[in-house]
Amino acid sequence: MAAQRSGSNRATSDDDFDVEGFAMAVVREEGTWRCSPLSHDALVDLSAAETELKALRSSGAVFGLLDVDDEFFIVLRPAPSGTRLLVSDATAAIDYDIAADVLDALNIEIPDIDPDELDDIEPWEEGDLGVLADLGLPEPVLAVILAETDLYPDEQLGMIAQRLGFATEFAAVLDKLPR
């Protein structure tokens, strides 16, 4: 993840459309998993992602998986008491507004790191490691997936999908997305 960083190129509103990756909604109702793509806006704007997920109005679990520029991922899970969040690489907040928004929502300061030194810093996660625990992904297992920093975010998200049992649905949505 951090090793794949292409330099200091903070994703601001001017270059939001330059951000690549995918944003996906995952729903589990009555034991059945369903995945669907979210808009590009959800990939660059945390509130847009939350709004799209809340609009799904499911009686079961709903969460979002965002792979931002193959640099890091975000798991977000709206709930009445507030959205639960996890960002796989807190240093991404230096380059990406959406990662900075996650840290802001978590009341965590953006790391004070020189952008030129990002490639030399090991990434670390911030947020709720238990965000998917009630669905079958315990905190220690998610921590192991996050520790696999030599994997790309889509590979890590694929591991999450495999562990929770929606790998087929996850892959089907990825196959349909433009790349």
N, C-alpha and C. Protein backbone atom coordinates (compact mmCIF):
# COMPACT_ATOMS: atom_id res chain seq x y z
N MET A 1 0.83 -1.18 0.00
CA MET A 1 0.00 0.00 0.00
C MET A 1 0.87 1.24 0.00
N ALA A 2 1.53 1.57 1.10
CA ALA A 2 2.35 2.77 1.12
C ALA A 2 3.48 2.66 0.12
N ALA A 3 3.97 1.46 -0.11
CA ALA A 3 5.05 1.28 -1.06
C ALA A 3 4.60 1.60 -2.48
N GLN A 4 3.31 1.57 -2.72
CA GLN A 4 2.78 1.84 -4.05
C GLN A 4 2.41 3.31 -4.24
N ARG A 5 2.64 4.11 -3.23
CA ARG A 5 2.25 5.52 -3.28
C ARG A 5 3.05 6.22 -4.38
N SER A 6 2.40 7.03 -5.14
CA SER A 6 3.05 7.67 -6.28
C SER A 6 3.48 9.10 -5.97
N GLY A 7 3.62 9.44 -4.74
CA GLY A 7 4.08 10.77 -4.39
C GLY A 7 2.98 11.62 -3.81
N SER A 8 3.30 12.84 -3.52
CA SER A 8 2.34 13.74 -2.91
C SER A 8 1.41 14.30 -3.96
N ASN A 9 0.19 13.84 -3.95
CA ASN A 9 -0.81 14.27 -4.92
C ASN A 9 -2.15 14.27 -4.22
N ARG A 10 -2.30 15.14 -3.24
CA ARG A 10 -3.51 15.16 -2.43
C ARG A 10 -4.74 15.25 -3.31
N ALA A 11 -5.66 14.33 -3.12
CA ALA A 11 -6.87 14.27 -3.93
C ALA A 11 -7.87 15.30 -3.42
N THR A 12 -7.88 16.44 -4.05
CA THR A 12 -8.80 17.49 -3.67
C THR A 12 -9.92 17.58 -4.69
N SER A 13 -10.83 18.51 -4.48
CA SER A 13 -11.98 18.59 -5.37
C SER A 13 -11.58 18.79 -6.82
N ASP A 14 -10.45 19.42 -7.09
CA ASP A 14 -10.01 19.64 -8.46
C ASP A 14 -9.66 18.35 -9.17
N ASP A 15 -9.15 17.36 -8.43
CA ASP A 15 -8.77 16.13 -9.10
C ASP A 15 -9.50 14.91 -8.56
N ASP A 16 -10.72 15.10 -8.07
CA ASP A 16 -11.52 13.99 -7.57
C ASP A 16 -11.73 12.93 -8.64
N PHE A 17 -11.88 13.34 -9.89
CA PHE A 17 -12.17 12.37 -10.92
C PHE A 17 -10.91 11.61 -11.35
N ASP A 18 -9.74 12.05 -10.88
CA ASP A 18 -8.51 11.32 -11.14
C ASP A 18 -8.36 10.14 -10.19
N VAL A 19 -9.14 10.12 -9.12
CA VAL A 19 -9.07 9.03 -8.15
C VAL A 19 -9.70 7.79 -8.77
N GLU A 20 -8.94 6.70 -8.72
CA GLU A 20 -9.43 5.43 -9.25
C GLU A 20 -9.73 4.49 -8.10
N GLY A 21 -10.25 3.34 -8.43
CA GLY A 21 -10.60 2.36 -7.41
C GLY A 21 -12.05 1.98 -7.54
N PHE A 22 -12.64 1.58 -6.43
CA PHE A 22 -14.06 1.24 -6.46
C PHE A 22 -14.68 1.48 -5.09
N ALA A 23 -15.98 1.70 -5.13
CA ALA A 23 -16.78 1.83 -3.91
C ALA A 23 -17.94 0.84 -4.06
N MET A 24 -18.11 0.00 -3.03
CA MET A 24 -19.09 -1.07 -3.11
C MET A 24 -19.92 -1.13 -1.83
N ALA A 25 -21.22 -1.33 -2.02
CA ALA A 25 -22.12 -1.57 -0.89
C ALA A 25 -22.25 -3.06 -0.71
N VAL A 26 -22.25 -3.50 0.55
CA VAL A 26 -22.45 -4.90 0.88
C VAL A 26 -23.63 -4.97 1.84
N VAL A 27 -24.60 -5.82 1.53
CA VAL A 27 -25.81 -5.96 2.34
C VAL A 27 -25.97 -7.44 2.68
N ARG A 28 -26.32 -7.69 3.93
CA ARG A 28 -26.65 -9.06 4.33
C ARG A 28 -28.04 -9.04 4.95
N GLU A 29 -28.96 -9.70 4.26
CA GLU A 29 -30.34 -9.81 4.73
C GLU A 29 -30.75 -11.26 4.74
N GLU A 30 -31.25 -11.71 5.88
CA GLU A 30 -31.73 -13.07 6.03
C GLU A 30 -30.71 -14.10 5.56
N GLY A 31 -29.45 -13.86 5.91
CA GLY A 31 -28.39 -14.81 5.60
C GLY A 31 -27.86 -14.76 4.18
N THR A 32 -28.35 -13.84 3.37
CA THR A 32 -27.92 -13.74 1.97
C THR A 32 -27.13 -12.45 1.77
N TRP A 33 -25.99 -12.58 1.10
CA TRP A 33 -25.15 -11.42 0.80
C TRP A 33 -25.50 -10.86 -0.57
N ARG A 34 -25.46 -9.54 -0.66
CA ARG A 34 -25.68 -8.84 -1.92
C ARG A 34 -24.67 -7.71 -2.00
N CYS A 35 -23.99 -7.58 -3.13
CA CYS A 35 -23.03 -6.50 -3.34
C CYS A 35 -23.47 -5.66 -4.53
N SER A 36 -23.25 -4.37 -4.45
CA SER A 36 -23.58 -3.48 -5.57
C SER A 36 -22.61 -2.31 -5.57
N PRO A 37 -22.32 -1.78 -6.75
CA PRO A 37 -21.40 -0.65 -6.82
C PRO A 37 -22.04 0.62 -6.28
N LEU A 38 -21.22 1.47 -5.71
CA LEU A 38 -21.62 2.81 -5.32
C LEU A 38 -21.07 3.77 -6.37
N SER A 39 -21.52 5.00 -6.34
CA SER A 39 -21.08 5.99 -7.32
C SER A 39 -19.62 6.38 -7.10
N HIS A 40 -19.05 7.03 -8.10
CA HIS A 40 -17.68 7.54 -7.97
C HIS A 40 -17.60 8.56 -6.83
N ASP A 41 -18.67 9.32 -6.62
CA ASP A 41 -18.69 10.30 -5.53
C ASP A 41 -18.42 9.64 -4.18
N ALA A 42 -18.91 8.42 -4.00
CA ALA A 42 -18.70 7.70 -2.74
C ALA A 42 -17.23 7.37 -2.53
N LEU A 43 -16.48 7.34 -3.60
CA LEU A 43 -15.05 7.02 -3.53
C LEU A 43 -14.22 8.22 -3.07
N VAL A 44 -14.75 9.41 -3.24
CA VAL A 44 -13.98 10.61 -2.92
C VAL A 44 -14.62 11.48 -1.83
N ASP A 45 -15.85 11.13 -1.43
CA ASP A 45 -16.57 11.96 -0.46
C ASP A 45 -17.23 11.04 0.57
N LEU A 46 -16.73 11.08 1.80
CA LEU A 46 -17.22 10.21 2.85
C LEU A 46 -18.72 10.39 3.09
N SER A 47 -19.19 11.63 3.09
CA SER A 47 -20.62 11.85 3.34
C SER A 47 -21.47 11.29 2.19
N ALA A 48 -20.97 11.34 0.97
CA ALA A 48 -21.70 10.75 -0.16
C ALA A 48 -21.78 9.24 0.01
N ALA A 49 -20.70 8.61 0.44
CA ALA A 49 -20.71 7.16 0.68
C ALA A 49 -21.72 6.82 1.77
N GLU A 50 -21.71 7.57 2.86
CA GLU A 50 -22.67 7.33 3.95
C GLU A 50 -24.10 7.48 3.47
N THR A 51 -24.36 8.52 2.72
CA THR A 51 -25.71 8.79 2.21
C THR A 51 -26.18 7.66 1.31
N GLU A 52 -25.32 7.20 0.41
CA GLU A 52 -25.70 6.10 -0.49
C GLU A 52 -25.99 4.82 0.29
N LEU A 53 -25.18 4.54 1.30
CA LEU A 53 -25.38 3.33 2.09
C LEU A 53 -26.67 3.42 2.91
N LYS A 54 -26.92 4.57 3.50
CA LYS A 54 -28.16 4.75 4.28
C LYS A 54 -29.39 4.63 3.40
N ALA A 55 -29.28 5.01 2.14
CA ALA A 55 -30.42 4.96 1.22
C ALA A 55 -30.82 3.52 0.88
N LEU A 56 -29.96 2.56 1.17
CA LEU A 56 -30.28 1.16 0.88
C LEU A 56 -31.37 0.62 1.79
N ARG A 57 -31.55 1.21 2.95
CA ARG A 57 -32.63 0.89 3.88
C ARG A 57 -32.87 -0.61 4.02
N SER A 58 -31.89 -1.30 4.50
CA SER A 58 -32.00 -2.74 4.70
C SER A 58 -32.26 -3.03 6.16
N SER A 59 -32.98 -4.11 6.41
CA SER A 59 -33.19 -4.53 7.80
C SER A 59 -31.99 -5.31 8.32
N GLY A 60 -31.10 -5.69 7.40
CA GLY A 60 -29.88 -6.42 7.78
C GLY A 60 -28.68 -5.50 7.81
N ALA A 61 -27.52 -6.12 7.84
CA ALA A 61 -26.26 -5.38 7.88
C ALA A 61 -25.98 -4.70 6.55
N VAL A 62 -25.51 -3.46 6.61
CA VAL A 62 -25.10 -2.70 5.43
C VAL A 62 -23.75 -2.07 5.74
N PHE A 63 -22.81 -2.24 4.83
CA PHE A 63 -21.54 -1.55 4.98
C PHE A 63 -20.95 -1.28 3.62
N GLY A 64 -19.98 -0.38 3.59
CA GLY A 64 -19.32 -0.02 2.35
C GLY A 64 -17.86 -0.40 2.39
N LEU A 65 -17.34 -0.78 1.22
CA LEU A 65 -15.93 -1.07 1.03
C LEU A 65 -15.42 -0.14 -0.06
N LEU A 66 -14.43 0.67 0.27
CA LEU A 66 -13.89 1.63 -0.68
C LEU A 66 -12.41 1.35 -0.89
N ASP A 67 -12.02 1.11 -2.12
CA ASP A 67 -10.62 0.94 -2.51
C ASP A 67 -10.23 2.23 -3.22
N VAL A 68 -9.40 3.03 -2.59
CA VAL A 68 -9.05 4.33 -3.13
C VAL A 68 -7.67 4.27 -3.78
N ASP A 69 -7.66 4.39 -5.09
CA ASP A 69 -6.42 4.46 -5.87
C ASP A 69 -5.47 3.28 -5.65
N ASP A 70 -5.97 2.15 -5.24
CA ASP A 70 -5.11 1.01 -4.91
C ASP A 70 -4.04 1.39 -3.89
N GLU A 71 -4.35 2.39 -3.05
CA GLU A 71 -3.43 2.85 -2.02
C GLU A 71 -3.87 2.43 -0.62
N PHE A 72 -5.18 2.46 -0.38
CA PHE A 72 -5.73 2.15 0.94
C PHE A 72 -7.20 1.82 0.77
N PHE A 73 -7.80 1.30 1.83
CA PHE A 73 -9.23 1.06 1.78
C PHE A 73 -9.90 1.60 3.03
N ILE A 74 -11.20 1.78 2.89
CA ILE A 74 -12.05 2.26 3.98
C ILE A 74 -13.21 1.30 4.11
N VAL A 75 -13.54 0.94 5.35
CA VAL A 75 -14.77 0.21 5.64
C VAL A 75 -15.64 1.17 6.43
N LEU A 76 -16.86 1.37 5.98
CA LEU A 76 -17.78 2.23 6.72
C LEU A 76 -19.10 1.52 6.88
N ARG A 77 -19.65 1.69 8.06
CA ARG A 77 -20.90 1.00 8.41
C ARG A 77 -21.82 1.96 9.15
N PRO A 78 -22.76 2.55 8.41
CA PRO A 78 -23.70 3.47 9.05
C PRO A 78 -24.56 2.75 10.09
N ALA A 79 -24.81 3.44 11.17
CA ALA A 79 -25.67 2.93 12.25
C ALA A 79 -26.39 4.11 12.88
N PRO A 80 -27.51 3.86 13.53
CA PRO A 80 -28.24 4.96 14.17
C PRO A 80 -27.38 5.75 15.16
N SER A 81 -26.45 5.09 15.81
CA SER A 81 -25.61 5.77 16.79
C SER A 81 -24.40 6.46 16.15
N GLY A 82 -24.25 6.36 14.84
CA GLY A 82 -23.13 6.97 14.14
C GLY A 82 -22.43 5.95 13.26
N THR A 83 -21.76 6.44 12.26
CA THR A 83 -21.07 5.55 11.33
C THR A 83 -19.79 5.02 11.92
N ARG A 84 -19.62 3.71 11.84
CA ARG A 84 -18.38 3.06 12.28
C ARG A 84 -17.42 3.07 11.10
N LEU A 85 -16.16 3.40 11.38
CA LEU A 85 -15.19 3.60 10.30
C LEU A 85 -13.88 2.90 10.58
N LEU A 86 -13.23 2.50 9.49
CA LEU A 86 -11.88 1.96 9.55
C LEU A 86 -11.16 2.38 8.27
N VAL A 87 -9.98 2.94 8.41
CA VAL A 87 -9.13 3.24 7.26
C VAL A 87 -7.87 2.40 7.41
N SER A 88 -7.48 1.74 6.32
CA SER A 88 -6.37 0.80 6.38
C SER A 88 -5.01 1.48 6.50
N ASP A 89 -4.91 2.74 6.12
CA ASP A 89 -3.64 3.45 6.17
C ASP A 89 -3.89 4.90 6.56
N ALA A 90 -3.61 5.22 7.80
CA ALA A 90 -3.84 6.59 8.29
C ALA A 90 -2.96 7.61 7.58
N THR A 91 -1.81 7.19 7.07
CA THR A 91 -0.94 8.15 6.37
C THR A 91 -1.57 8.63 5.07
N ALA A 92 -2.56 7.92 4.57
CA ALA A 92 -3.25 8.34 3.34
C ALA A 92 -3.95 9.68 3.52
N ALA A 93 -4.21 10.07 4.76
CA ALA A 93 -4.87 11.35 5.03
C ALA A 93 -4.01 12.54 4.58
N ILE A 94 -2.74 12.30 4.38
CA ILE A 94 -1.86 13.37 3.91
C ILE A 94 -2.14 13.65 2.43
N ASP A 95 -2.49 12.63 1.67
CA ASP A 95 -2.70 12.76 0.23
C ASP A 95 -4.16 12.77 -0.21
N TYR A 96 -5.08 12.27 0.61
CA TYR A 96 -6.45 12.08 0.18
C TYR A 96 -7.44 12.68 1.17
N ASP A 97 -8.32 13.53 0.65
CA ASP A 97 -9.33 14.17 1.49
C ASP A 97 -10.24 13.15 2.18
N ILE A 98 -10.63 12.08 1.48
CA ILE A 98 -11.55 11.13 2.09
C ILE A 98 -10.91 10.44 3.29
N ALA A 99 -9.63 10.16 3.22
CA ALA A 99 -8.93 9.57 4.37
C ALA A 99 -8.83 10.58 5.51
N ALA A 100 -8.60 11.84 5.15
CA ALA A 100 -8.57 12.90 6.17
C ALA A 100 -9.95 13.04 6.82
N ASP A 101 -11.00 12.89 6.02
CA ASP A 101 -12.36 12.97 6.57
C ASP A 101 -12.64 11.83 7.54
N VAL A 102 -12.11 10.63 7.24
CA VAL A 102 -12.28 9.50 8.15
C VAL A 102 -11.58 9.81 9.47
N LEU A 103 -10.34 10.29 9.41
CA LEU A 103 -9.63 10.61 10.66
C LEU A 103 -10.35 11.71 11.42
N ASP A 104 -10.87 12.69 10.70
CA ASP A 104 -11.62 13.76 11.35
C ASP A 104 -12.86 13.21 12.06
N ALA A 105 -13.57 12.33 11.40
CA ALA A 105 -14.77 11.72 12.01
C ALA A 105 -14.40 10.88 13.24
N LEU A 106 -13.19 10.33 13.24
CA LEU A 106 -12.72 9.54 14.37
C LEU A 106 -12.05 10.40 15.45
N ASN A 107 -12.01 11.71 15.22
CA ASN A 107 -11.34 12.66 16.13
C ASN A 107 -9.86 12.33 16.31
N ILE A 108 -9.22 11.99 15.18
CA ILE A 108 -7.79 11.68 15.17
C ILE A 108 -7.11 12.69 14.26
N GLU A 109 -6.02 13.26 14.73
CA GLU A 109 -5.30 14.24 13.92
C GLU A 109 -4.62 13.57 12.73
N ILE A 110 -4.55 14.32 11.64
CA ILE A 110 -3.81 13.86 10.47
C ILE A 110 -2.34 13.75 10.87
N PRO A 111 -1.71 12.64 10.53
CA PRO A 111 -0.30 12.48 10.90
C PRO A 111 0.57 13.62 10.37
N ASP A 112 1.48 14.06 11.19
CA ASP A 112 2.40 15.13 10.81
C ASP A 112 3.64 14.50 10.18
N ILE A 113 3.49 14.17 8.91
CA ILE A 113 4.55 13.49 8.17
C ILE A 113 4.83 14.29 6.91
N ASP A 114 6.09 14.47 6.61
CA ASP A 114 6.50 15.14 5.38
C ASP A 114 6.06 14.26 4.20
N PRO A 115 5.31 14.82 3.24
CA PRO A 115 4.85 14.02 2.10
C PRO A 115 5.99 13.31 1.35
N ASP A 116 7.17 13.92 1.35
CA ASP A 116 8.31 13.30 0.67
C ASP A 116 8.83 12.07 1.40
N GLU A 117 8.42 11.88 2.65
CA GLU A 117 8.89 10.74 3.44
C GLU A 117 7.86 9.61 3.55
N LEU A 118 6.72 9.77 2.89
CA LEU A 118 5.64 8.79 3.01
C LEU A 118 6.05 7.38 2.57
N ASP A 119 6.87 7.30 1.54
CA ASP A 119 7.28 5.98 1.05
C ASP A 119 8.11 5.22 2.08
N ASP A 120 8.70 5.93 3.03
CA ASP A 120 9.56 5.30 4.03
C ASP A 120 8.81 4.96 5.32
N ILE A 121 7.54 5.29 5.40
CA ILE A 121 6.75 5.10 6.62
C ILE A 121 5.86 3.88 6.46
N GLU A 122 5.86 3.01 7.44
CA GLU A 122 4.95 1.87 7.43
C GLU A 122 3.53 2.36 7.70
N PRO A 123 2.57 1.91 6.90
CA PRO A 123 1.18 2.33 7.13
C PRO A 123 0.62 1.72 8.42
N TRP A 124 -0.36 2.39 8.98
CA TRP A 124 -1.08 1.83 10.13
C TRP A 124 -2.56 2.19 9.99
N GLU A 125 -3.37 1.32 10.53
CA GLU A 125 -4.82 1.53 10.43
C GLU A 125 -5.28 2.42 11.58
N GLU A 126 -6.43 3.02 11.36
CA GLU A 126 -7.12 3.78 12.40
C GLU A 126 -8.60 3.46 12.29
N GLY A 127 -9.25 3.39 13.43
CA GLY A 127 -10.69 3.17 13.43
C GLY A 127 -11.09 1.92 14.17
N ASP A 128 -12.25 1.44 13.83
CA ASP A 128 -12.92 0.37 14.54
C ASP A 128 -12.59 -1.00 13.95
N LEU A 129 -11.65 -1.71 14.56
CA LEU A 129 -11.29 -3.05 14.08
C LEU A 129 -12.43 -4.04 14.26
N GLY A 130 -13.39 -3.72 15.09
CA GLY A 130 -14.53 -4.59 15.31
C GLY A 130 -15.72 -4.26 14.42
N VAL A 131 -15.51 -3.45 13.39
CA VAL A 131 -16.60 -2.97 12.54
C VAL A 131 -17.38 -4.12 11.89
N LEU A 132 -16.74 -5.26 11.67
CA LEU A 132 -17.42 -6.40 11.03
C LEU A 132 -17.43 -7.64 11.92
N ALA A 133 -17.09 -7.48 13.18
CA ALA A 133 -16.99 -8.63 14.10
C ALA A 133 -18.31 -9.38 14.25
N ASP A 134 -19.41 -8.66 14.33
CA ASP A 134 -20.70 -9.32 14.52
C ASP A 134 -21.15 -10.11 13.28
N LEU A 135 -20.48 -9.87 12.15
CA LEU A 135 -20.81 -10.59 10.92
C LEU A 135 -19.90 -11.79 10.69
N GLY A 136 -18.89 -11.94 11.56
CA GLY A 136 -18.01 -13.10 11.44
C GLY A 136 -16.56 -12.79 11.17
N LEU A 137 -16.16 -11.53 11.27
CA LEU A 137 -14.76 -11.16 11.07
C LEU A 137 -14.22 -10.55 12.36
N PRO A 138 -13.67 -11.40 13.24
CA PRO A 138 -13.17 -10.91 14.53
C PRO A 138 -12.03 -9.91 14.36
N GLU A 139 -11.89 -9.05 15.34
CA GLU A 139 -10.84 -8.03 15.32
C GLU A 139 -9.45 -8.60 15.03
N PRO A 140 -9.04 -9.70 15.68
CA PRO A 140 -7.69 -10.22 15.42
C PRO A 140 -7.49 -10.67 13.97
N VAL A 141 -8.53 -11.20 13.35
CA VAL A 141 -8.42 -11.64 11.95
C VAL A 141 -8.32 -10.42 11.04
N LEU A 142 -9.12 -9.40 11.29
CA LEU A 142 -9.03 -8.18 10.51
C LEU A 142 -7.65 -7.53 10.68
N ALA A 143 -7.11 -7.58 11.89
CA ALA A 143 -5.78 -7.03 12.14
C ALA A 143 -4.72 -7.75 11.31
N VAL A 144 -4.85 -9.06 11.17
CA VAL A 144 -3.90 -9.83 10.35
C VAL A 144 -4.02 -9.42 8.88
N ILE A 145 -5.25 -9.25 8.39
CA ILE A 145 -5.45 -8.81 7.01
C ILE A 145 -4.83 -7.43 6.79
N LEU A 146 -5.04 -6.53 7.73
CA LEU A 146 -4.47 -5.19 7.63
C LEU A 146 -2.95 -5.20 7.68
N ALA A 147 -2.38 -6.15 8.39
CA ALA A 147 -0.92 -6.24 8.51
C ALA A 147 -0.26 -6.70 7.22
N GLU A 148 -1.04 -7.21 6.29
CA GLU A 148 -0.52 -7.67 5.01
C GLU A 148 -0.31 -6.47 4.08
N THR A 149 0.62 -5.60 4.44
CA THR A 149 0.81 -4.35 3.70
C THR A 149 1.45 -4.53 2.33
N ASP A 150 1.92 -5.74 2.03
CA ASP A 150 2.46 -5.98 0.69
C ASP A 150 1.35 -6.30 -0.31
N LEU A 151 0.12 -6.48 0.17
CA LEU A 151 -1.03 -6.72 -0.70
C LEU A 151 -1.67 -5.39 -1.09
N TYR A 152 -2.29 -5.38 -2.25
CA TYR A 152 -3.07 -4.22 -2.66
C TYR A 152 -4.39 -4.21 -1.89
N PRO A 153 -5.00 -3.04 -1.75
CA PRO A 153 -6.27 -2.95 -1.02
C PRO A 153 -7.37 -3.87 -1.58
N ASP A 154 -7.45 -4.02 -2.91
CA ASP A 154 -8.50 -4.90 -3.44
C ASP A 154 -8.26 -6.35 -3.03
N GLU A 155 -6.99 -6.73 -2.86
CA GLU A 155 -6.67 -8.08 -2.40
C GLU A 155 -7.06 -8.24 -0.92
N GLN A 156 -6.81 -7.21 -0.13
CA GLN A 156 -7.20 -7.25 1.28
C GLN A 156 -8.72 -7.30 1.40
N LEU A 157 -9.41 -6.49 0.60
CA LEU A 157 -10.87 -6.50 0.64
C LEU A 157 -11.40 -7.85 0.17
N GLY A 158 -10.73 -8.47 -0.79
CA GLY A 158 -11.10 -9.81 -1.23
C GLY A 158 -10.96 -10.82 -0.10
N MET A 159 -9.94 -10.66 0.73
CA MET A 159 -9.76 -11.54 1.89
C MET A 159 -10.90 -11.35 2.88
N ILE A 160 -11.32 -10.10 3.07
CA ILE A 160 -12.45 -9.82 3.96
C ILE A 160 -13.71 -10.48 3.40
N ALA A 161 -13.94 -10.31 2.10
CA ALA A 161 -15.11 -10.92 1.46
C ALA A 161 -15.07 -12.44 1.58
N GLN A 162 -13.91 -13.03 1.40
CA GLN A 162 -13.77 -14.48 1.52
C GLN A 162 -14.09 -14.93 2.92
N ARG A 163 -13.54 -14.24 3.90
CA ARG A 163 -13.72 -14.62 5.30
C ARG A 163 -15.19 -14.51 5.72
N LEU A 164 -15.89 -13.49 5.20
CA LEU A 164 -17.29 -13.29 5.58
C LEU A 164 -18.26 -14.10 4.72
N GLY A 165 -17.79 -14.62 3.59
CA GLY A 165 -18.64 -15.48 2.78
C GLY A 165 -19.33 -14.83 1.60
N PHE A 166 -18.83 -13.67 1.16
CA PHE A 166 -19.44 -13.05 -0.02
C PHE A 166 -18.42 -12.82 -1.13
N ALA A 167 -17.41 -13.67 -1.20
CA ALA A 167 -16.36 -13.52 -2.21
C ALA A 167 -16.91 -13.61 -3.64
N THR A 168 -17.86 -14.50 -3.88
CA THR A 168 -18.44 -14.65 -5.22
C THR A 168 -19.18 -13.38 -5.63
N GLU A 169 -19.99 -12.84 -4.73
CA GLU A 169 -20.75 -11.62 -5.01
C GLU A 169 -19.80 -10.43 -5.19
N PHE A 170 -18.75 -10.37 -4.37
CA PHE A 170 -17.74 -9.32 -4.45
C PHE A 170 -17.06 -9.36 -5.82
N ALA A 171 -16.60 -10.54 -6.22
CA ALA A 171 -15.91 -10.70 -7.49
C ALA A 171 -16.83 -10.38 -8.67
N ALA A 172 -18.09 -10.74 -8.57
CA ALA A 172 -19.03 -10.46 -9.66
C ALA A 172 -19.18 -8.96 -9.89
N VAL A 173 -19.24 -8.18 -8.82
CA VAL A 173 -19.34 -6.73 -8.96
C VAL A 173 -18.03 -6.18 -9.52
N LEU A 174 -16.90 -6.64 -9.02
CA LEU A 174 -15.61 -6.17 -9.53
C LEU A 174 -15.46 -6.43 -11.02
N ASP A 175 -15.92 -7.60 -11.46
CA ASP A 175 -15.82 -7.96 -12.88
C ASP A 175 -16.61 -7.02 -13.77
N LYS A 176 -17.67 -6.44 -13.25
CA LYS A 176 -18.52 -5.55 -14.05
C LYS A 176 -18.06 -4.08 -14.03
N LEU A 177 -17.16 -3.75 -13.10
CA LEU A 177 -16.70 -2.37 -12.99
C LEU A 177 -15.69 -2.03 -14.08
N PRO A 178 -15.75 -0.82 -14.60
CA PRO A 178 -14.74 -0.40 -15.58
C PRO A 178 -13.39 -0.28 -14.88
N ARG A 179 -12.37 -0.73 -15.52
CA ARG A 179 -11.01 -0.66 -14.94
C ARG A 179 -10.07 0.00 -15.89
